[in-house]
């Protein structure tokens, strides 16, 4: 009886401490993660200098970063990662003069 209890306790202790150390378990699937505002060249092509903030927001969505110290600048970021590594990153910064879009700066590849 005592032997069975000790054996059960040893198996329970071994199974509880197995997750605490050493060898990582293999991972067969990792969830793809999309973060930020999706940005594509079609959206950027629709932006025109002189558009109001509301018109820009209809095309691009709400900016991810609205800096209170730079109220005339909106930043949009997008990243896609799979398997723990970033596969795609995009960034666009829109600059306003008052309520009107003055220009944009982006790192999107040009498509023909």
C-alpha atoms as a PDB file:
ATOM      1  CA  UNK A   1       0.000   0.000   0.000  1.00  0.00           C
ATOM      2  CA  UNK A   2       2.767   2.415   0.938  1.00  0.00           C
ATOM      3  CA  UNK A   3       4.706   1.419  -2.160  1.00  0.00           C
ATOM      4  CA  UNK A   4       1.741   2.258  -4.417  1.00  0.00           C
ATOM      5  CA  UNK A   5       1.288   5.639  -2.730  1.00  0.00           C
ATOM      6  CA  UNK A   6       4.967   6.482  -3.149  1.00  0.00           C
ATOM      7  CA  UNK A   7       4.889   5.423  -6.778  1.00  0.00           C
ATOM      8  CA  UNK A   8       1.788   7.558  -7.428  1.00  0.00           C
ATOM      9  CA  UNK A   9       3.360  10.530  -5.660  1.00  0.00           C
ATOM     10  CA  UNK A  10       6.575  10.152  -7.666  1.00  0.00           C
ATOM     11  CA  UNK A  11       4.687  10.013 -10.975  1.00  0.00           C
ATOM     12  CA  UNK A  12       2.582  13.030  -9.987  1.00  0.00           C
ATOM     13  CA  UNK A  13       5.661  15.000  -8.918  1.00  0.00           C
ATOM     14  CA  UNK A  14       7.513  14.110 -12.128  1.00  0.00           C
ATOM     15  CA  UNK A  15       4.595  15.158 -14.318  1.00  0.00           C
ATOM     16  CA  UNK A  16       4.140  18.462 -12.474  1.00  0.00           C
ATOM     17  CA  UNK A  17       7.805  19.413 -12.694  1.00  0.00           C
ATOM     18  CA  UNK A  18       8.214  18.308 -16.324  1.00  0.00           C
ATOM     19  CA  UNK A  19       6.929  21.664 -17.570  1.00  0.00           C
ATOM     20  CA  UNK A  20       9.437  23.620 -15.505  1.00  0.00           C
ATOM     21  CA  UNK A  21      12.662  22.776 -17.139  1.00  0.00           C
ATOM     22  CA  UNK A  22      15.014  21.882 -19.790  1.00  0.00           C
ATOM     23  CA  UNK A  23      13.883  20.579 -23.101  1.00  0.00           C
ATOM     24  CA  UNK A  24      11.322  22.685 -24.967  1.00  0.00           C
ATOM     25  CA  UNK A  25       8.476  20.836 -26.560  1.00  0.00           C
ATOM     26  CA  UNK A  26       8.280  20.994 -30.359  1.00  0.00           C
ATOM     27  CA  UNK A  27       5.780  23.446 -31.771  1.00  0.00           C
ATOM     28  CA  UNK A  28       4.036  22.392 -34.928  1.00  0.00           C
ATOM     29  CA  UNK A  29       1.793  25.390 -35.519  1.00  0.00           C
ATOM     30  CA  UNK A  30       1.988  29.012 -34.618  1.00  0.00           C
ATOM     31  CA  UNK A  31      -0.780  31.481 -35.202  1.00  0.00           C
ATOM     32  CA  UNK A  32      -0.132  34.196 -37.813  1.00  0.00           C
ATOM     33  CA  UNK A  33      -0.366  37.626 -36.195  1.00  0.00           C
ATOM     34  CA  UNK A  34      -1.462  40.794 -37.988  1.00  0.00           C
ATOM     35  CA  UNK A  35      -0.985  44.044 -36.099  1.00  0.00           C
ATOM     36  CA  UNK A  36      -1.875  47.619 -36.876  1.00  0.00           C
ATOM     37  CA  UNK A  37      -3.751  49.112 -39.801  1.00  0.00           C
ATOM     38  CA  UNK A  38      -3.634  47.144 -43.046  1.00  0.00           C
ATOM     39  CA  UNK A  39      -2.035  49.372 -45.691  1.00  0.00           C
ATOM     40  CA  UNK A  40      -1.837  48.705 -49.420  1.00  0.00           C
ATOM     41  CA  UNK A  41      -0.752  50.747 -52.421  1.00  0.00           C
ATOM     42  CA  UNK A  42      -4.352  51.194 -53.612  1.00  0.00           C
ATOM     43  CA  UNK A  43      -5.200  53.034 -50.387  1.00  0.00           C
ATOM     44  CA  UNK A  44      -2.134  55.259 -50.683  1.00  0.00           C
ATOM     45  CA  UNK A  45      -2.913  56.042 -54.355  1.00  0.00           C
ATOM     46  CA  UNK A  46      -6.351  57.333 -53.326  1.00  0.00           C
ATOM     47  CA  UNK A  47      -4.822  59.940 -50.993  1.00  0.00           C
ATOM     48  CA  UNK A  48      -4.568  63.421 -52.494  1.00  0.00           C
ATOM     49  CA  UNK A  49      -3.066  66.595 -51.026  1.00  0.00           C
ATOM     50  CA  UNK A  50      -5.839  68.880 -49.836  1.00  0.00           C
ATOM     51  CA  UNK A  51      -8.073  66.092 -48.475  1.00  0.00           C
ATOM     52  CA  UNK A  52      -9.600  66.714 -45.058  1.00  0.00           C
ATOM     53  CA  UNK A  53      -8.751  64.575 -42.048  1.00  0.00           C
ATOM     54  CA  UNK A  54     -12.202  62.991 -42.243  1.00  0.00           C
ATOM     55  CA  UNK A  55     -11.709  62.005 -45.902  1.00  0.00           C
ATOM     56  CA  UNK A  56      -8.304  60.524 -45.096  1.00  0.00           C
ATOM     57  CA  UNK A  57      -9.741  58.607 -42.155  1.00  0.00           C
ATOM     58  CA  UNK A  58     -12.440  57.109 -44.413  1.00  0.00           C
ATOM     59  CA  UNK A  59      -9.733  55.709 -46.690  1.00  0.00           C
ATOM     60  CA  UNK A  60      -7.037  54.725 -44.179  1.00  0.00           C
ATOM     61  CA  UNK A  61      -8.979  54.155 -40.965  1.00  0.00           C
ATOM     62  CA  UNK A  62      -8.133  55.550 -37.563  1.00  0.00           C
ATOM     63  CA  UNK A  63      -4.385  56.134 -37.201  1.00  0.00           C
ATOM     64  CA  UNK A  64      -2.589  53.692 -34.951  1.00  0.00           C
ATOM     65  CA  UNK A  65      -0.463  56.438 -33.452  1.00  0.00           C
ATOM     66  CA  UNK A  66      -1.922  59.893 -32.871  1.00  0.00           C
ATOM     67  CA  UNK A  67       0.886  61.773 -31.138  1.00  0.00           C
ATOM     68  CA  UNK A  68      -0.386  64.606 -28.929  1.00  0.00           C
ATOM     69  CA  UNK A  69       2.929  66.437 -29.423  1.00  0.00           C
ATOM     70  CA  UNK A  70       2.689  66.280 -33.239  1.00  0.00           C
ATOM     71  CA  UNK A  71      -1.009  66.755 -33.961  1.00  0.00           C
ATOM     72  CA  UNK A  72      -0.367  67.421 -37.652  1.00  0.00           C
ATOM     73  CA  UNK A  73       1.138  63.941 -38.122  1.00  0.00           C
ATOM     74  CA  UNK A  74      -0.631  60.571 -38.336  1.00  0.00           C
ATOM     75  CA  UNK A  75       1.317  57.307 -38.364  1.00  0.00           C
ATOM     76  CA  UNK A  76      -0.027  54.016 -39.693  1.00  0.00           C
ATOM     77  CA  UNK A  77       1.859  50.771 -39.048  1.00  0.00           C
ATOM     78  CA  UNK A  78       1.166  47.250 -40.229  1.00  0.00           C
ATOM     79  CA  UNK A  79       3.086  44.070 -39.529  1.00  0.00           C
ATOM     80  CA  UNK A  80       2.471  40.424 -40.314  1.00  0.00           C
ATOM     81  CA  UNK A  81       4.367  37.722 -38.489  1.00  0.00           C
ATOM     82  CA  UNK A  82       4.205  33.975 -38.705  1.00  0.00           C
ATOM     83  CA  UNK A  83       6.221  31.435 -36.795  1.00  0.00           C
ATOM     84  CA  UNK A  84       7.739  34.083 -34.555  1.00  0.00           C
ATOM     85  CA  UNK A  85       9.373  36.042 -37.394  1.00  0.00           C
ATOM     86  CA  UNK A  86       8.102  39.221 -39.021  1.00  0.00           C
ATOM     87  CA  UNK A  87       7.369  38.547 -42.694  1.00  0.00           C
ATOM     88  CA  UNK A  88       5.978  41.914 -43.703  1.00  0.00           C
ATOM     89  CA  UNK A  89       6.114  45.460 -42.329  1.00  0.00           C
ATOM     90  CA  UNK A  90       4.605  48.633 -43.735  1.00  0.00           C
ATOM     91  CA  UNK A  91       4.624  52.182 -42.471  1.00  0.00           C
ATOM     92  CA  UNK A  92       3.113  55.406 -43.738  1.00  0.00           C
ATOM     93  CA  UNK A  93       3.189  58.845 -42.158  1.00  0.00           C
ATOM     94  CA  UNK A  94       0.666  61.487 -43.188  1.00  0.00           C
ATOM     95  CA  UNK A  95       1.313  65.174 -42.584  1.00  0.00           C
ATOM     96  CA  UNK A  96      -1.426  67.785 -42.308  1.00  0.00           C
ATOM     97  CA  UNK A  97      -1.393  71.540 -42.616  1.00  0.00           C
ATOM     98  CA  UNK A  98      -4.294  72.534 -40.386  1.00  0.00           C
ATOM     99  CA  UNK A  99      -7.139  70.196 -41.365  1.00  0.00           C
ATOM    100  CA  UNK A 100      -5.831  69.398 -44.873  1.00  0.00           C
ATOM    101  CA  UNK A 101      -3.430  66.655 -45.964  1.00  0.00           C
ATOM    102  CA  UNK A 102      -0.169  68.187 -47.178  1.00  0.00           C
ATOM    103  CA  UNK A 103       1.980  65.131 -47.980  1.00  0.00           C
ATOM    104  CA  UNK A 104       2.726  61.502 -47.143  1.00  0.00           C
ATOM    105  CA  UNK A 105       5.881  59.542 -46.506  1.00  0.00           C
ATOM    106  CA  UNK A 106       5.808  55.746 -46.848  1.00  0.00           C
ATOM    107  CA  UNK A 107       7.935  52.656 -47.296  1.00  0.00           C
ATOM    108  CA  UNK A 108       5.551  50.690 -49.528  1.00  0.00           C
ATOM    109  CA  UNK A 109       6.998  49.140 -52.671  1.00  0.00           C
ATOM    110  CA  UNK A 110       5.685  50.755 -55.851  1.00  0.00           C
ATOM    111  CA  UNK A 111       3.523  48.578 -58.076  1.00  0.00           C
ATOM    112  CA  UNK A 112       2.868  49.196 -61.763  1.00  0.00           C
END
